């Protein structure tokens, strides 16, 4: 499914909200500060895990995650909002988590696609392309960090692929560590590989491709245990 105009607008809004490049980190050891969507998602998860379904329903009905579903109706399975609300009403935690994960997976996919467009804009200055890639990676990790455990449970190969692709893109976005180079009879020189936006493109596209598969996987309702 191709992202709708509303979905693309939502991605653009997220991109404009980013003001700082992604910080260096090891996957799993760092998370950017929350925005309304990630904060609402965490509140929903905590409520579900604590068995506070009435709280979870209220948080969903009034929260940013549901608003995000409404914005991207063209890129999400039809009836997702009803499915999540029904799951919350019936106390089907697994089904509710499936729907919530699906929303973020679609958002991350669209962010990766938009990142590829901006980083791959050969007409833009190199520094601007690198900065755009770093900002999008911060947004991507903000959301993926919240669903990594759930994705790993259902599709561990995809989860590993996303983490590796993210690390590759981040590495190309910040350049390599300085190295000391010496020439015979000459002084030692410190060499620091520069960030390379062209090399960021492939792992960004990989993230988008894998997340498209994750969206398809999570579009299938979770089977209840009999």
N, C-alpha and C. Protein backbone atom coordinates (compact mmCIF):
# COMPACT_ATOMS: atom_id res chain seq x y z
N UNK A 1 0.83 -1.19 0.00
CA UNK A 1 0.00 0.00 0.00
C UNK A 1 0.87 1.24 0.00
N UNK A 2 0.58 2.21 -0.88
CA UNK A 2 1.34 3.44 -0.93
C UNK A 2 0.81 4.42 0.11
N UNK A 3 1.71 5.20 0.73
CA UNK A 3 1.25 6.16 1.71
C UNK A 3 0.30 7.16 1.06
N UNK A 4 -0.80 7.52 1.73
CA UNK A 4 -1.74 8.50 1.23
C UNK A 4 -1.17 9.89 1.36
N UNK A 5 -1.89 10.88 0.77
CA UNK A 5 -1.45 12.27 0.90
C UNK A 5 -1.40 12.67 2.36
N UNK A 6 -2.42 12.23 3.14
CA UNK A 6 -2.45 12.56 4.56
C UNK A 6 -1.27 11.95 5.29
N UNK A 7 -0.92 10.72 4.90
CA UNK A 7 0.22 10.06 5.55
C UNK A 7 1.51 10.80 5.24
N UNK A 8 1.66 11.22 3.96
CA UNK A 8 2.87 11.96 3.61
C UNK A 8 2.93 13.28 4.36
N UNK A 9 1.78 13.91 4.56
CA UNK A 9 1.75 15.17 5.30
C UNK A 9 2.15 14.94 6.75
N UNK A 10 1.72 13.81 7.32
CA UNK A 10 2.08 13.50 8.71
C UNK A 10 3.57 13.28 8.83
N UNK A 11 4.16 12.60 7.86
CA UNK A 11 5.60 12.38 7.88
C UNK A 11 6.34 13.71 7.79
N UNK A 12 5.85 14.58 6.92
CA UNK A 12 6.49 15.89 6.76
C UNK A 12 6.42 16.68 8.06
N UNK A 13 5.28 16.57 8.76
CA UNK A 13 5.13 17.28 10.03
C UNK A 13 6.11 16.77 11.07
N UNK A 14 6.28 15.45 11.11
CA UNK A 14 7.26 14.87 12.03
C UNK A 14 8.66 15.36 11.70
N UNK A 15 8.97 15.38 10.41
CA UNK A 15 10.30 15.81 9.98
C UNK A 15 10.57 17.25 10.38
N UNK A 16 9.58 18.13 10.22
CA UNK A 16 9.75 19.53 10.56
C UNK A 16 9.92 19.74 12.05
N UNK A 17 9.37 18.81 12.84
CA UNK A 17 9.45 18.94 14.30
C UNK A 17 10.83 18.60 14.83
N UNK A 18 11.65 17.95 14.01
CA UNK A 18 12.98 17.55 14.47
C UNK A 18 13.93 18.73 14.36
N UNK A 19 14.69 18.98 15.39
CA UNK A 19 15.56 20.15 15.39
C UNK A 19 17.01 19.83 15.66
N UNK A 20 17.34 18.57 15.96
CA UNK A 20 18.73 18.23 16.29
C UNK A 20 19.08 16.91 15.67
N UNK A 21 20.36 16.73 15.24
CA UNK A 21 20.77 15.46 14.67
C UNK A 21 20.76 14.34 15.69
N UNK A 22 20.70 13.11 15.18
CA UNK A 22 20.68 11.95 16.07
C UNK A 22 21.98 11.85 16.85
N UNK A 23 21.87 11.49 18.12
CA UNK A 23 23.05 11.33 18.95
C UNK A 23 23.66 9.96 18.73
N UNK A 24 24.98 9.89 18.93
CA UNK A 24 25.67 8.61 18.77
C UNK A 24 25.21 7.67 19.87
N UNK A 25 25.06 6.39 19.55
CA UNK A 25 24.60 5.43 20.54
C UNK A 25 24.84 4.03 20.04
N UNK A 26 24.71 3.10 20.95
CA UNK A 26 24.66 1.69 20.58
C UNK A 26 23.20 1.28 20.61
N UNK A 27 22.76 0.53 19.62
CA UNK A 27 21.35 0.17 19.52
C UNK A 27 20.86 -0.44 20.83
N UNK A 28 19.73 0.07 21.31
CA UNK A 28 19.14 -0.44 22.53
C UNK A 28 19.57 0.30 23.77
N UNK A 29 20.54 1.21 23.67
CA UNK A 29 21.06 1.89 24.85
C UNK A 29 20.72 3.37 24.88
N UNK A 30 19.92 3.84 23.93
CA UNK A 30 19.62 5.26 23.84
C UNK A 30 18.26 5.45 23.20
N UNK A 31 17.53 6.45 23.65
CA UNK A 31 16.23 6.76 23.04
C UNK A 31 16.05 8.26 23.04
N UNK A 32 15.64 8.84 21.91
CA UNK A 32 15.38 10.28 21.87
C UNK A 32 14.21 10.64 22.77
N UNK A 33 14.09 11.92 23.09
CA UNK A 33 12.97 12.34 23.95
C UNK A 33 11.64 12.10 23.23
N UNK A 34 10.61 11.92 24.04
CA UNK A 34 9.29 11.60 23.50
C UNK A 34 8.65 12.80 22.81
N UNK A 35 7.77 12.50 21.86
CA UNK A 35 6.81 13.46 21.37
C UNK A 35 5.42 12.93 21.75
N UNK A 36 4.35 13.54 21.23
CA UNK A 36 3.01 13.14 21.64
C UNK A 36 2.70 11.69 21.27
N UNK A 37 3.16 11.26 20.10
CA UNK A 37 2.85 9.90 19.65
C UNK A 37 3.57 8.87 20.50
N UNK A 38 4.88 9.04 20.69
CA UNK A 38 5.64 8.05 21.46
C UNK A 38 5.21 8.04 22.93
N UNK A 39 4.89 9.22 23.48
CA UNK A 39 4.44 9.27 24.87
C UNK A 39 3.11 8.55 25.03
N UNK A 40 2.19 8.77 24.11
CA UNK A 40 0.89 8.10 24.16
C UNK A 40 1.04 6.59 24.01
N UNK A 41 1.93 6.17 23.10
CA UNK A 41 2.17 4.74 22.89
C UNK A 41 2.68 4.10 24.18
N UNK A 42 3.62 4.76 24.86
CA UNK A 42 4.16 4.21 26.11
C UNK A 42 3.07 4.12 27.17
N UNK A 43 2.23 5.14 27.26
CA UNK A 43 1.15 5.12 28.24
C UNK A 43 0.20 3.95 27.97
N UNK A 44 -0.10 3.73 26.70
CA UNK A 44 -0.98 2.62 26.33
C UNK A 44 -0.36 1.28 26.70
N UNK A 45 0.92 1.12 26.38
CA UNK A 45 1.60 -0.15 26.70
C UNK A 45 1.62 -0.40 28.21
N UNK A 46 1.96 0.62 28.98
CA UNK A 46 2.01 0.45 30.44
C UNK A 46 0.64 0.07 30.98
N UNK A 47 -0.41 0.72 30.47
CA UNK A 47 -1.76 0.44 30.94
C UNK A 47 -2.18 -0.99 30.60
N UNK A 48 -1.86 -1.44 29.38
CA UNK A 48 -2.19 -2.79 28.97
C UNK A 48 -1.45 -3.82 29.81
N UNK A 49 -0.15 -3.58 30.03
CA UNK A 49 0.64 -4.52 30.80
C UNK A 49 0.18 -4.59 32.26
N UNK A 50 -0.36 -3.48 32.76
CA UNK A 50 -0.85 -3.45 34.14
C UNK A 50 -2.29 -3.94 34.25
N UNK A 51 -2.90 -4.27 33.10
CA UNK A 51 -4.28 -4.74 33.12
C UNK A 51 -5.30 -3.65 33.35
N UNK A 52 -4.90 -2.39 33.18
CA UNK A 52 -5.81 -1.27 33.38
C UNK A 52 -6.47 -0.92 32.04
N UNK A 53 -7.43 -1.74 31.65
CA UNK A 53 -8.03 -1.62 30.33
C UNK A 53 -8.88 -0.37 30.18
N UNK A 54 -9.56 0.03 31.27
CA UNK A 54 -10.35 1.25 31.20
C UNK A 54 -9.45 2.46 30.93
N UNK A 55 -8.30 2.48 31.57
CA UNK A 55 -7.34 3.57 31.36
C UNK A 55 -6.81 3.52 29.94
N UNK A 56 -6.49 2.32 29.47
CA UNK A 56 -5.97 2.16 28.12
C UNK A 56 -6.99 2.63 27.08
N UNK A 57 -8.24 2.29 27.28
CA UNK A 57 -9.27 2.73 26.33
C UNK A 57 -9.37 4.25 26.29
N UNK A 58 -9.33 4.87 27.45
CA UNK A 58 -9.41 6.34 27.49
C UNK A 58 -8.19 6.98 26.83
N UNK A 59 -7.03 6.43 27.11
CA UNK A 59 -5.80 6.96 26.51
C UNK A 59 -5.82 6.81 25.00
N UNK A 60 -6.39 5.71 24.54
CA UNK A 60 -6.45 5.49 23.09
C UNK A 60 -7.47 6.41 22.44
N UNK A 61 -8.65 6.50 23.04
CA UNK A 61 -9.73 7.31 22.46
C UNK A 61 -9.30 8.77 22.31
N UNK A 62 -8.53 9.27 23.27
CA UNK A 62 -8.19 10.69 23.30
C UNK A 62 -6.75 10.97 22.85
N UNK A 63 -6.01 9.94 22.46
CA UNK A 63 -4.58 10.09 22.27
C UNK A 63 -4.08 10.30 20.86
N UNK A 64 -2.78 10.56 20.78
CA UNK A 64 -2.13 10.87 19.50
C UNK A 64 -2.01 9.66 18.59
N UNK A 65 -1.95 8.44 19.16
CA UNK A 65 -1.82 7.25 18.32
C UNK A 65 -3.07 7.07 17.46
N UNK A 66 -4.22 7.26 18.08
CA UNK A 66 -5.46 7.14 17.31
C UNK A 66 -5.54 8.23 16.24
N UNK A 67 -5.10 9.42 16.57
CA UNK A 67 -5.08 10.51 15.59
C UNK A 67 -4.17 10.15 14.41
N UNK A 68 -3.09 9.45 14.72
CA UNK A 68 -2.16 9.04 13.66
C UNK A 68 -2.82 8.02 12.73
N UNK A 69 -3.61 7.13 13.29
CA UNK A 69 -4.35 6.16 12.47
C UNK A 69 -5.28 6.89 11.51
N UNK A 70 -5.97 7.90 12.02
CA UNK A 70 -6.89 8.66 11.18
C UNK A 70 -6.17 9.38 10.05
N UNK A 71 -4.94 9.82 10.32
CA UNK A 71 -4.18 10.56 9.31
C UNK A 71 -3.72 9.67 8.16
N UNK A 72 -3.48 8.39 8.45
CA UNK A 72 -2.89 7.52 7.45
C UNK A 72 -3.80 6.35 7.08
N UNK A 73 -5.07 6.66 6.86
CA UNK A 73 -6.02 5.62 6.52
C UNK A 73 -5.68 4.94 5.19
N UNK A 74 -4.99 5.65 4.30
CA UNK A 74 -4.66 5.05 3.01
C UNK A 74 -3.48 4.11 3.04
N UNK A 75 -2.72 4.11 4.14
CA UNK A 75 -1.54 3.25 4.20
C UNK A 75 -1.61 2.21 5.31
N UNK A 76 -2.78 2.09 5.94
CA UNK A 76 -3.00 1.10 6.99
C UNK A 76 -4.16 0.19 6.61
N UNK A 77 -4.19 -1.02 7.14
CA UNK A 77 -5.32 -1.92 6.85
C UNK A 77 -6.63 -1.27 7.24
N UNK A 78 -7.67 -1.40 6.44
CA UNK A 78 -8.97 -0.81 6.79
C UNK A 78 -9.53 -1.42 8.08
N UNK A 79 -10.18 -0.58 8.85
CA UNK A 79 -10.82 -1.06 10.08
C UNK A 79 -9.87 -1.20 11.25
N UNK A 80 -8.64 -0.66 11.14
CA UNK A 80 -7.67 -0.83 12.23
C UNK A 80 -8.14 -0.14 13.50
N UNK A 81 -8.69 1.05 13.38
CA UNK A 81 -9.17 1.77 14.56
C UNK A 81 -10.24 0.95 15.28
N UNK A 82 -11.19 0.42 14.54
CA UNK A 82 -12.24 -0.40 15.15
C UNK A 82 -11.65 -1.65 15.80
N UNK A 83 -10.65 -2.24 15.15
CA UNK A 83 -10.03 -3.45 15.69
C UNK A 83 -9.34 -3.18 17.02
N UNK A 84 -8.62 -2.05 17.11
CA UNK A 84 -7.94 -1.72 18.36
C UNK A 84 -8.96 -1.42 19.46
N UNK A 85 -9.99 -0.66 19.14
CA UNK A 85 -11.00 -0.33 20.15
C UNK A 85 -11.74 -1.58 20.63
N UNK A 86 -12.03 -2.48 19.69
CA UNK A 86 -12.69 -3.73 20.07
C UNK A 86 -11.80 -4.57 20.97
N UNK A 87 -10.51 -4.65 20.62
CA UNK A 87 -9.56 -5.42 21.43
C UNK A 87 -9.46 -4.85 22.84
N UNK A 88 -9.46 -3.54 22.95
CA UNK A 88 -9.39 -2.91 24.27
C UNK A 88 -10.67 -3.17 25.07
N UNK A 89 -11.80 -3.17 24.38
CA UNK A 89 -13.07 -3.43 25.04
C UNK A 89 -13.16 -4.87 25.54
N UNK A 90 -12.64 -5.82 24.73
CA UNK A 90 -12.70 -7.24 25.09
C UNK A 90 -11.55 -7.67 25.99
N UNK A 91 -10.60 -6.77 26.20
CA UNK A 91 -9.44 -7.15 27.01
C UNK A 91 -8.45 -8.03 26.29
N UNK A 92 -8.45 -7.97 24.95
CA UNK A 92 -7.53 -8.77 24.14
C UNK A 92 -6.23 -7.99 23.97
N UNK A 93 -5.33 -8.15 24.93
CA UNK A 93 -4.11 -7.36 24.97
C UNK A 93 -3.23 -7.62 23.74
N UNK A 94 -3.10 -8.90 23.34
CA UNK A 94 -2.24 -9.24 22.21
C UNK A 94 -2.73 -8.57 20.92
N UNK A 95 -4.04 -8.56 20.73
CA UNK A 95 -4.60 -7.95 19.52
C UNK A 95 -4.46 -6.43 19.56
N UNK A 96 -4.63 -5.84 20.73
CA UNK A 96 -4.44 -4.39 20.86
C UNK A 96 -3.00 -4.01 20.57
N UNK A 97 -2.05 -4.78 21.09
CA UNK A 97 -0.64 -4.50 20.86
C UNK A 97 -0.28 -4.68 19.38
N UNK A 98 -0.91 -5.65 18.73
CA UNK A 98 -0.66 -5.84 17.30
C UNK A 98 -1.04 -4.58 16.53
N UNK A 99 -2.23 -4.05 16.81
CA UNK A 99 -2.68 -2.86 16.11
C UNK A 99 -1.81 -1.65 16.39
N UNK A 100 -1.42 -1.48 17.63
CA UNK A 100 -0.59 -0.33 18.00
C UNK A 100 0.80 -0.43 17.35
N UNK A 101 1.35 -1.65 17.32
CA UNK A 101 2.65 -1.85 16.68
C UNK A 101 2.57 -1.56 15.20
N UNK A 102 1.48 -1.96 14.59
CA UNK A 102 1.29 -1.74 13.16
C UNK A 102 1.32 -0.26 12.81
N UNK A 103 0.71 0.57 13.66
CA UNK A 103 0.70 2.01 13.41
C UNK A 103 2.12 2.57 13.37
N UNK A 104 2.93 2.22 14.36
CA UNK A 104 4.30 2.75 14.41
C UNK A 104 5.16 2.17 13.29
N UNK A 105 4.95 0.91 12.96
CA UNK A 105 5.72 0.31 11.86
C UNK A 105 5.46 1.06 10.55
N UNK A 106 4.21 1.42 10.30
CA UNK A 106 3.87 2.16 9.09
C UNK A 106 4.48 3.56 9.13
N UNK A 107 4.46 4.19 10.29
CA UNK A 107 5.04 5.52 10.42
C UNK A 107 6.54 5.48 10.18
N UNK A 108 7.22 4.50 10.75
CA UNK A 108 8.67 4.37 10.55
C UNK A 108 9.00 4.12 9.09
N UNK A 109 8.23 3.25 8.44
CA UNK A 109 8.44 2.98 7.02
C UNK A 109 8.37 4.26 6.20
N UNK A 110 7.34 5.07 6.47
CA UNK A 110 7.16 6.30 5.71
C UNK A 110 8.26 7.32 6.00
N UNK A 111 8.73 7.35 7.24
CA UNK A 111 9.86 8.22 7.58
C UNK A 111 11.11 7.80 6.83
N UNK A 112 11.36 6.49 6.74
CA UNK A 112 12.53 6.00 6.02
C UNK A 112 12.45 6.33 4.54
N UNK A 113 11.25 6.22 3.98
CA UNK A 113 11.07 6.57 2.57
C UNK A 113 11.34 8.05 2.33
N UNK A 114 10.82 8.90 3.20
CA UNK A 114 11.05 10.34 3.06
C UNK A 114 12.52 10.68 3.30
N UNK A 115 13.14 9.98 4.24
CA UNK A 115 14.56 10.20 4.49
C UNK A 115 15.37 9.90 3.23
N UNK A 116 15.03 8.80 2.55
CA UNK A 116 15.74 8.46 1.32
C UNK A 116 15.62 9.55 0.27
N UNK A 117 14.44 10.18 0.18
CA UNK A 117 14.25 11.25 -0.79
C UNK A 117 15.13 12.46 -0.47
N UNK A 118 15.16 12.84 0.79
CA UNK A 118 15.91 14.04 1.16
C UNK A 118 17.41 13.80 1.16
N UNK A 119 17.82 12.65 1.64
CA UNK A 119 19.25 12.33 1.64
C UNK A 119 19.76 12.12 0.22
N UNK A 120 18.90 11.62 -0.65
CA UNK A 120 19.30 11.35 -2.03
C UNK A 120 19.15 12.54 -2.97
N UNK A 121 18.78 13.69 -2.45
CA UNK A 121 18.62 14.89 -3.28
C UNK A 121 19.99 15.44 -3.66
N UNK A 122 20.45 15.06 -4.84
CA UNK A 122 21.79 15.46 -5.27
C UNK A 122 21.92 16.96 -5.46
N UNK A 123 20.80 17.67 -5.62
CA UNK A 123 20.86 19.12 -5.82
C UNK A 123 21.07 19.87 -4.51
N UNK A 124 20.85 19.20 -3.38
CA UNK A 124 20.99 19.84 -2.08
C UNK A 124 22.44 19.78 -1.62
N UNK A 125 22.89 20.75 -0.80
CA UNK A 125 24.25 20.71 -0.26
C UNK A 125 24.49 19.42 0.53
N UNK A 126 25.70 18.94 0.47
CA UNK A 126 26.05 17.69 1.15
C UNK A 126 25.73 17.75 2.65
N UNK A 127 26.09 18.88 3.29
CA UNK A 127 25.86 19.01 4.73
C UNK A 127 24.38 18.95 5.06
N UNK A 128 23.55 19.54 4.19
CA UNK A 128 22.11 19.52 4.42
C UNK A 128 21.56 18.11 4.30
N UNK A 129 22.07 17.34 3.36
CA UNK A 129 21.63 15.96 3.18
C UNK A 129 22.00 15.11 4.39
N UNK A 130 23.21 15.31 4.89
CA UNK A 130 23.65 14.55 6.06
C UNK A 130 22.79 14.91 7.27
N UNK A 131 22.55 16.22 7.47
CA UNK A 131 21.75 16.66 8.61
C UNK A 131 20.33 16.10 8.53
N UNK A 132 19.77 16.07 7.32
CA UNK A 132 18.43 15.51 7.16
C UNK A 132 18.42 14.02 7.53
N UNK A 133 19.44 13.30 7.07
CA UNK A 133 19.52 11.89 7.40
C UNK A 133 19.61 11.65 8.89
N UNK A 134 20.42 12.46 9.58
CA UNK A 134 20.58 12.32 11.03
C UNK A 134 19.27 12.59 11.75
N UNK A 135 18.55 13.61 11.31
CA UNK A 135 17.29 13.96 11.97
C UNK A 135 16.24 12.86 11.77
N UNK A 136 16.18 12.32 10.55
CA UNK A 136 15.23 11.25 10.30
C UNK A 136 15.60 10.00 11.08
N UNK A 137 16.88 9.71 11.21
CA UNK A 137 17.29 8.54 11.99
C UNK A 137 16.89 8.69 13.45
N UNK A 138 16.97 9.91 13.97
CA UNK A 138 16.52 10.13 15.35
C UNK A 138 15.04 9.81 15.48
N UNK A 139 14.25 10.27 14.51
CA UNK A 139 12.81 9.99 14.55
C UNK A 139 12.53 8.50 14.38
N UNK A 140 13.24 7.88 13.46
CA UNK A 140 13.05 6.44 13.22
C UNK A 140 13.34 5.65 14.49
N UNK A 141 14.44 5.98 15.16
CA UNK A 141 14.76 5.21 16.37
C UNK A 141 13.82 5.53 17.52
N UNK A 142 13.32 6.76 17.58
CA UNK A 142 12.36 7.12 18.62
C UNK A 142 11.19 6.13 18.61
N UNK A 143 10.71 5.81 17.41
CA UNK A 143 9.54 4.94 17.28
C UNK A 143 9.93 3.46 17.28
N UNK A 144 11.00 3.11 16.56
CA UNK A 144 11.31 1.68 16.48
C UNK A 144 11.72 1.12 17.84
N UNK A 145 12.38 1.94 18.65
CA UNK A 145 12.78 1.50 19.98
C UNK A 145 11.58 1.02 20.79
N UNK A 146 10.38 1.54 20.49
CA UNK A 146 9.18 1.19 21.23
C UNK A 146 8.57 -0.14 20.78
N UNK A 147 8.86 -0.56 19.56
CA UNK A 147 8.22 -1.78 19.05
C UNK A 147 9.21 -2.90 18.78
N UNK A 148 10.47 -2.67 19.06
CA UNK A 148 11.49 -3.67 18.74
C UNK A 148 11.20 -5.01 19.40
N UNK A 149 10.80 -4.99 20.67
CA UNK A 149 10.55 -6.25 21.38
C UNK A 149 9.41 -7.02 20.72
N UNK A 150 8.32 -6.31 20.39
CA UNK A 150 7.16 -6.96 19.78
C UNK A 150 7.50 -7.50 18.39
N UNK A 151 8.23 -6.70 17.60
CA UNK A 151 8.64 -7.16 16.27
C UNK A 151 9.55 -8.37 16.38
N UNK A 152 10.46 -8.34 17.35
CA UNK A 152 11.39 -9.46 17.54
C UNK A 152 10.64 -10.74 17.86
N UNK A 153 9.60 -10.64 18.67
CA UNK A 153 8.83 -11.83 19.03
C UNK A 153 8.15 -12.46 17.82
N UNK A 154 7.66 -11.63 16.92
CA UNK A 154 6.88 -12.14 15.79
C UNK A 154 7.72 -12.35 14.53
N UNK A 155 8.77 -11.54 14.35
CA UNK A 155 9.61 -11.65 13.15
C UNK A 155 11.04 -11.27 13.50
N UNK A 156 11.77 -12.17 14.18
CA UNK A 156 13.12 -11.84 14.64
C UNK A 156 14.09 -11.49 13.52
N UNK A 157 13.92 -12.10 12.35
CA UNK A 157 14.80 -11.78 11.23
C UNK A 157 14.62 -10.32 10.80
N UNK A 158 13.38 -9.87 10.74
CA UNK A 158 13.11 -8.48 10.38
C UNK A 158 13.68 -7.53 11.42
N UNK A 159 13.51 -7.86 12.70
CA UNK A 159 14.00 -7.00 13.77
C UNK A 159 15.52 -6.84 13.69
N UNK A 160 16.21 -7.95 13.46
CA UNK A 160 17.67 -7.90 13.33
C UNK A 160 18.06 -7.06 12.11
N UNK A 161 17.36 -7.25 11.01
CA UNK A 161 17.66 -6.50 9.80
C UNK A 161 17.49 -5.00 9.97
N UNK A 162 16.44 -4.61 10.70
CA UNK A 162 16.20 -3.19 10.93
C UNK A 162 17.31 -2.59 11.78
N UNK A 163 17.70 -3.29 12.84
CA UNK A 163 18.74 -2.77 13.71
C UNK A 163 20.07 -2.64 12.97
N UNK A 164 20.41 -3.63 12.15
CA UNK A 164 21.66 -3.57 11.40
C UNK A 164 21.63 -2.44 10.37
N UNK A 165 20.51 -2.29 9.69
CA UNK A 165 20.38 -1.22 8.69
C UNK A 165 20.46 0.14 9.36
N UNK A 166 19.85 0.26 10.53
CA UNK A 166 19.91 1.53 11.25
C UNK A 166 21.35 1.86 11.63
N UNK A 167 22.07 0.88 12.15
CA UNK A 167 23.47 1.12 12.52
C UNK A 167 24.31 1.52 11.31
N UNK A 168 24.05 0.86 10.16
CA UNK A 168 24.79 1.21 8.94
C UNK A 168 24.51 2.65 8.53
N UNK A 169 23.24 3.03 8.51
CA UNK A 169 22.87 4.38 8.11
C UNK A 169 23.45 5.41 9.07
N UNK A 170 23.38 5.11 10.36
CA UNK A 170 23.92 6.04 11.35
C UNK A 170 25.43 6.18 11.21
N UNK A 171 26.11 5.05 10.95
CA UNK A 171 27.55 5.10 10.77
C UNK A 171 27.97 5.97 9.60
N UNK A 172 27.27 5.82 8.46
CA UNK A 172 27.58 6.63 7.30
C UNK A 172 27.19 8.10 7.53
N UNK A 173 26.23 8.32 8.43
CA UNK A 173 25.77 9.68 8.67
C UNK A 173 26.69 10.48 9.58
N UNK A 174 27.49 9.80 10.37
CA UNK A 174 28.37 10.55 11.27
C UNK A 174 29.85 10.36 10.94
N UNK A 175 30.15 9.58 9.91
CA UNK A 175 31.56 9.36 9.56
C UNK A 175 32.21 8.37 10.50
N UNK A 176 33.46 8.06 10.25
CA UNK A 176 34.16 7.08 11.06
C UNK A 176 35.00 7.72 12.15
N UNK A 177 35.58 6.88 12.97
CA UNK A 177 36.43 7.38 14.04
C UNK A 177 37.77 7.85 13.46
N UNK A 178 38.37 8.90 14.04
CA UNK A 178 39.66 9.38 13.54
C UNK A 178 40.72 8.29 13.63
N UNK A 179 41.59 8.26 12.63
CA UNK A 179 42.70 7.30 12.61
C UNK A 179 44.00 8.07 12.41
N UNK A 180 45.06 7.49 12.89
CA UNK A 180 46.38 8.10 12.78
C UNK A 180 47.11 7.49 11.61
N UNK A 181 47.48 8.33 10.65
CA UNK A 181 48.19 7.86 9.47
C UNK A 181 49.62 8.39 9.49
N UNK A 182 50.56 7.51 9.19
CA UNK A 182 51.96 7.93 9.15
C UNK A 182 52.57 7.55 7.81
N UNK A 183 53.38 8.43 7.30
CA UNK A 183 54.08 8.18 6.05
C UNK A 183 55.57 8.13 6.34
N UNK A 184 56.27 7.33 5.56
CA UNK A 184 57.71 7.17 5.80
C UNK A 184 58.41 8.52 5.73
N UNK A 185 59.08 8.87 6.81
CA UNK A 185 59.84 10.10 6.85
C UNK A 185 59.01 11.35 7.03
N UNK A 186 57.67 11.19 7.16
CA UNK A 186 56.80 12.35 7.28
C UNK A 186 56.09 12.38 8.62
N UNK A 187 55.45 13.50 8.91
CA UNK A 187 54.74 13.62 10.19
C UNK A 187 53.45 12.79 10.17
N UNK A 188 53.00 12.44 11.36
CA UNK A 188 51.75 11.70 11.49
C UNK A 188 50.57 12.64 11.24
N UNK A 189 49.55 12.11 10.61
CA UNK A 189 48.35 12.90 10.32
C UNK A 189 47.12 12.18 10.87
N UNK A 190 46.20 12.97 11.39
CA UNK A 190 44.93 12.42 11.87
C UNK A 190 43.92 12.51 10.74
N UNK A 191 43.34 11.38 10.40
CA UNK A 191 42.36 11.32 9.31
C UNK A 191 41.01 10.86 9.86
N UNK A 192 39.96 11.64 9.58
CA UNK A 192 38.62 11.28 10.04
C UNK A 192 37.70 11.14 8.83
N UNK A 193 37.24 9.92 8.53
CA UNK A 193 36.32 9.73 7.40
C UNK A 193 35.09 10.63 7.53
N UNK A 194 34.69 11.24 6.43
CA UNK A 194 33.56 12.16 6.44
C UNK A 194 32.23 11.41 6.29
N UNK A 195 31.18 12.03 6.80
CA UNK A 195 29.84 11.47 6.61
C UNK A 195 29.54 11.40 5.12
N UNK A 196 28.85 10.34 4.71
CA UNK A 196 28.59 10.11 3.29
C UNK A 196 27.10 9.89 3.07
N UNK A 197 26.38 10.94 2.62
CA UNK A 197 24.93 10.78 2.41
C UNK A 197 24.59 9.75 1.34
N UNK A 198 25.45 9.61 0.33
CA UNK A 198 25.16 8.63 -0.72
C UNK A 198 25.13 7.21 -0.16
N UNK A 199 26.03 6.93 0.79
CA UNK A 199 26.07 5.60 1.37
C UNK A 199 24.94 5.38 2.38
N UNK A 200 24.34 6.47 2.87
CA UNK A 200 23.21 6.34 3.79
C UNK A 200 21.97 5.81 3.08
N UNK A 201 21.91 6.01 1.78
CA UNK A 201 20.69 5.69 1.04
C UNK A 201 20.32 4.22 1.11
N UNK A 202 21.28 3.34 0.89
CA UNK A 202 20.96 1.90 0.84
C UNK A 202 20.38 1.40 2.16
N UNK A 203 21.00 1.67 3.32
CA UNK A 203 20.40 1.19 4.56
C UNK A 203 19.06 1.84 4.87
N UNK A 204 18.85 3.11 4.46
CA UNK A 204 17.54 3.73 4.66
C UNK A 204 16.48 3.01 3.84
N UNK A 205 16.84 2.67 2.60
CA UNK A 205 15.89 1.92 1.76
C UNK A 205 15.65 0.53 2.32
N UNK A 206 16.68 -0.03 2.93
CA UNK A 206 16.53 -1.35 3.55
C UNK A 206 15.54 -1.29 4.72
N UNK A 207 15.66 -0.24 5.51
CA UNK A 207 14.73 -0.07 6.63
C UNK A 207 13.29 0.01 6.11
N UNK A 208 13.09 0.82 5.07
CA UNK A 208 11.74 0.98 4.51
C UNK A 208 11.22 -0.35 3.96
N UNK A 209 12.09 -1.09 3.28
CA UNK A 209 11.68 -2.36 2.68
C UNK A 209 11.31 -3.38 3.76
N UNK A 210 12.13 -3.47 4.79
CA UNK A 210 11.85 -4.44 5.85
C UNK A 210 10.58 -4.05 6.60
N UNK A 211 10.40 -2.75 6.85
CA UNK A 211 9.21 -2.31 7.57
C UNK A 211 7.95 -2.53 6.75
N UNK A 212 8.06 -2.48 5.42
CA UNK A 212 6.89 -2.81 4.60
C UNK A 212 6.46 -4.25 4.86
N UNK A 213 7.44 -5.14 5.00
CA UNK A 213 7.14 -6.52 5.33
C UNK A 213 6.56 -6.67 6.72
N UNK A 214 7.07 -5.87 7.67
CA UNK A 214 6.55 -5.92 9.04
C UNK A 214 5.09 -5.47 9.06
N UNK A 215 4.78 -4.42 8.31
CA UNK A 215 3.39 -3.95 8.23
C UNK A 215 2.49 -5.06 7.71
N UNK A 216 2.93 -5.78 6.69
CA UNK A 216 2.13 -6.88 6.15
C UNK A 216 1.97 -8.00 7.18
N UNK A 217 3.05 -8.29 7.90
CA UNK A 217 2.99 -9.34 8.92
C UNK A 217 2.00 -8.99 10.01
N UNK A 218 2.05 -7.75 10.49
CA UNK A 218 1.18 -7.34 11.60
C UNK A 218 -0.23 -6.99 11.13
N UNK A 219 -0.45 -6.98 9.83
CA UNK A 219 -1.81 -6.77 9.32
C UNK A 219 -2.68 -7.99 9.57
N UNK A 220 -2.05 -9.12 9.84
CA UNK A 220 -2.79 -10.36 10.14
C UNK A 220 -3.12 -10.41 11.62
N UNK A 221 -4.38 -10.51 11.99
CA UNK A 221 -4.76 -10.55 13.40
C UNK A 221 -4.06 -11.68 14.15
N UNK A 222 -3.76 -11.43 15.40
CA UNK A 222 -3.13 -12.43 16.25
C UNK A 222 -4.14 -13.53 16.58
N UNK A 223 -3.74 -14.77 16.39
CA UNK A 223 -4.65 -15.88 16.74
C UNK A 223 -4.70 -16.06 18.24
N UNK A 224 -5.90 -16.15 18.73
CA UNK A 224 -6.07 -16.38 20.17
C UNK A 224 -5.79 -17.84 20.51
N UNK A 225 -5.19 -18.00 21.68
CA UNK A 225 -4.93 -19.36 22.15
C UNK A 225 -6.23 -19.96 22.67
N UNK A 226 -6.55 -21.19 22.24
CA UNK A 226 -7.79 -21.82 22.71
C UNK A 226 -7.56 -22.51 24.04
